[in-house]
Amino acid sequence: MSLVNHSELKRITGDIKIANEFFPALEDKVEKIIKDAIKRAKANQRTTLMERDV
């Protein structure tokens, strides 16, 4: 499963090229952010992720 929409990222970057190695690195970073947000929500006894968890 992809957490990052490649087409949308390319639209955002415009004329800046994106190396193939960039996508897995970004996917890893996004996954870590999500896992950290889950830990924070659980630590605050919530089952809903909120903006403050990011």
Protein backbone atom coordinates (compact mmCIF):
# COMPACT_ATOMS: atom_id res chain seq x y z
CA MET A 1 0.00 0.00 0.00
CA SER A 2 1.27 3.42 -0.88
CA LEU A 3 0.89 6.20 1.65
CA VAL A 4 2.01 8.86 -0.83
CA ASN A 5 0.22 9.62 -4.09
CA HIS A 6 3.02 9.86 -6.65
CA SER A 7 0.95 11.77 -9.20
CA GLU A 8 -0.07 14.37 -6.62
CA LEU A 9 3.50 14.76 -5.43
CA LYS A 10 4.67 15.32 -9.00
CA ARG A 11 1.91 17.91 -9.45
CA ILE A 12 3.09 19.74 -6.33
CA THR A 13 6.76 19.71 -7.29
CA GLY A 14 6.06 21.12 -10.73
CA ASP A 15 9.19 21.23 -12.87
CA ILE A 16 11.38 19.79 -10.10
CA LYS A 17 12.28 16.21 -10.94
CA ILE A 18 11.91 13.47 -8.34
CA ALA A 19 14.46 10.67 -8.09
CA ASN A 20 13.04 7.15 -7.79
CA GLU A 21 14.82 6.78 -4.44
CA PHE A 22 12.84 9.72 -3.05
CA PHE A 23 9.52 7.84 -2.92
CA PRO A 24 10.54 4.99 -0.57
CA ALA A 25 12.33 7.46 1.71
CA LEU A 26 9.20 9.64 1.86
CA GLU A 27 7.00 6.58 2.44
CA ASP A 28 9.22 5.56 5.39
CA LYS A 29 9.05 9.05 6.86
CA VAL A 30 5.24 9.24 6.53
CA GLU A 31 4.88 5.80 8.11
CA LYS A 32 7.03 6.88 11.07
CA ILE A 33 4.94 10.04 11.53
CA ILE A 34 1.77 7.95 11.58
CA LYS A 35 3.19 5.40 14.03
CA ASP A 36 4.37 8.19 16.34
CA ALA A 37 0.91 9.79 16.15
CA ILE A 38 -0.67 6.47 17.11
CA LYS A 39 1.61 6.21 20.14
CA ARG A 40 0.68 9.73 21.20
CA ALA A 41 -3.06 9.08 20.82
CA LYS A 42 -2.81 5.86 22.83
CA ALA A 43 -0.75 7.61 25.51
CA ASN A 44 -3.60 10.09 25.81
CA GLN A 45 -6.13 7.24 25.96
CA ARG A 46 -7.72 8.09 22.61
CA THR A 47 -8.60 5.90 19.66
CA THR A 48 -8.79 8.81 17.23
CA LEU A 49 -5.78 10.44 15.58
CA MET A 50 -5.94 14.22 15.75
CA GLU A 51 -3.84 17.02 14.28
CA ARG A 52 -2.11 17.50 17.63
CA ASP A 53 -0.73 13.96 17.34
CA VAL A 54 1.35 14.91 14.32
